[in-house]
Protein backbone atom coordinates (compact mmCIF):
# COMPACT_ATOMS: atom_id res chain seq x y z
CA VAL A 1 -25.92 -179.99 129.64
CA PRO A 2 -28.81 -179.11 127.33
CA ALA A 3 -27.57 -177.83 123.99
CA ASP A 4 -29.51 -174.58 124.39
CA ALA A 5 -28.88 -173.85 128.15
CA ALA A 6 -26.48 -171.08 127.46
CA ARG A 7 -29.12 -169.26 125.29
CA ARG A 8 -32.02 -169.69 127.60
CA ALA A 9 -32.87 -166.85 129.98
CA PRO A 10 -34.02 -168.02 133.31
CA THR A 11 -37.67 -167.15 133.66
CA ALA A 12 -38.63 -168.57 136.95
CA ALA A 13 -38.52 -166.48 140.15
CA ALA A 14 -34.90 -165.86 141.65
CA GLY A 15 -33.86 -168.64 143.90
CA SER A 16 -36.12 -171.32 142.26
CA ALA A 17 -34.80 -174.71 141.69
CA GLY A 18 -35.25 -174.46 137.91
CA THR A 19 -33.31 -171.08 137.78
CA GLU A 20 -30.56 -172.54 139.94
CA ALA A 21 -30.25 -175.65 137.81
CA VAL A 22 -29.89 -173.52 134.58
CA ALA A 23 -27.33 -171.38 136.22
CA VAL A 24 -25.34 -174.26 137.53
CA CYS A 25 -25.40 -175.95 133.98
CA GLU A 26 -24.31 -172.62 132.42
CA LEU A 27 -21.41 -172.23 134.96
CA ARG A 28 -20.28 -175.84 134.37
CA ALA A 29 -20.20 -175.29 130.64
CA LEU A 30 -18.30 -172.00 130.92
CA ALA A 31 -15.79 -173.70 133.25
CA ARG A 32 -15.25 -176.47 130.73
CA HIS A 33 -14.64 -173.95 127.96
CA ALA A 34 -12.30 -171.97 130.07
CA THR A 35 -10.28 -175.01 130.86
CA ASP A 36 -10.15 -176.00 127.18
CA ALA A 37 -8.99 -172.47 126.23
CA ARG A 38 -6.32 -172.48 128.97
CA ALA A 39 -5.07 -175.84 127.67
CA ARG A 40 -4.73 -174.23 124.22
CA GLY A 41 -2.98 -171.19 125.66
CA GLN A 42 -5.79 -168.89 124.47
CA PRO A 43 -6.41 -165.85 126.64
CA LEU A 44 -10.01 -165.25 127.76
CA ALA A 45 -12.16 -162.36 128.77
CA VAL A 46 -15.25 -162.79 130.91
CA ALA A 47 -18.30 -160.62 130.50
CA THR A 48 -20.85 -160.51 133.25
CA VAL A 49 -24.26 -158.83 133.42
CA VAL A 50 -24.17 -156.68 136.56
CA ASP A 51 -27.39 -154.69 136.16
CA THR A 52 -30.22 -154.15 133.61
CA ALA A 53 -32.68 -151.44 133.04
CA GLY A 54 -36.07 -152.02 131.43
CA SER A 55 -36.56 -155.06 129.30
CA ALA A 56 -33.55 -157.40 129.21
CA TYR A 57 -32.93 -160.71 127.64
CA ARG A 58 -30.67 -161.92 130.40
CA ARG A 59 -30.53 -161.09 134.03
CA PRO A 60 -27.63 -160.02 136.28
CA GLY A 61 -25.12 -162.75 136.70
CA ALA A 62 -25.40 -164.04 132.98
CA ARG A 63 -21.85 -164.66 131.71
CA MET A 64 -20.04 -164.93 128.50
CA LEU A 65 -16.41 -166.16 127.83
CA VAL A 66 -14.67 -164.70 124.83
CA ALA A 67 -11.27 -165.83 123.52
CA ARG A 68 -8.96 -163.48 121.60
CA ASP A 69 -9.72 -165.55 118.51
CA GLY A 70 -13.22 -164.60 118.81
CA VAL A 71 -14.53 -167.93 119.97
CA ALA A 72 -17.42 -167.21 122.62
CA HIS A 73 -19.58 -169.24 124.95
CA GLY A 74 -22.51 -168.09 126.82
CA VAL A 75 -24.85 -165.25 126.13
CA VAL A 76 -25.21 -161.85 127.82
CA SER A 77 -27.71 -159.96 125.67
CA GLY A 78 -29.11 -162.11 122.90
CA GLY A 79 -28.14 -159.27 120.38
CA TRP A 80 -25.42 -156.82 119.33
CA LEU A 81 -23.45 -156.83 122.39
CA GLU A 82 -21.92 -160.35 121.73
CA SER A 83 -20.48 -159.05 118.46
CA GLU A 84 -18.99 -155.95 120.32
CA LEU A 85 -17.45 -158.25 123.00
CA ARG A 86 -15.89 -160.44 120.47
CA GLU A 87 -14.29 -157.45 118.70
CA ARG A 88 -12.94 -156.01 121.97
CA ALA A 89 -11.53 -159.29 122.85
CA ARG A 90 -9.71 -159.58 119.50
CA LEU A 91 -8.20 -156.12 119.94
CA THR A 92 -6.81 -156.74 123.46
């Protein structure tokens, strides 16, 4: 998995081989992180982009895993939202 795969927003047209390959790499990485967190007994929350309006860094389907300890994997907004999600995961 490329080191920056979770930070890159797919830019190719939906359904293209490049976009699908990035999505598969991201899902595999998130699955590995979820498995590791489960083995440590760490509860997880999953944030998923379901819709966007106007300009958006990530498209619907982008995901982020957040553990109660604040460790996160994946990107949903490329900005302030990740901090908010970490804080909410910590409080639940």
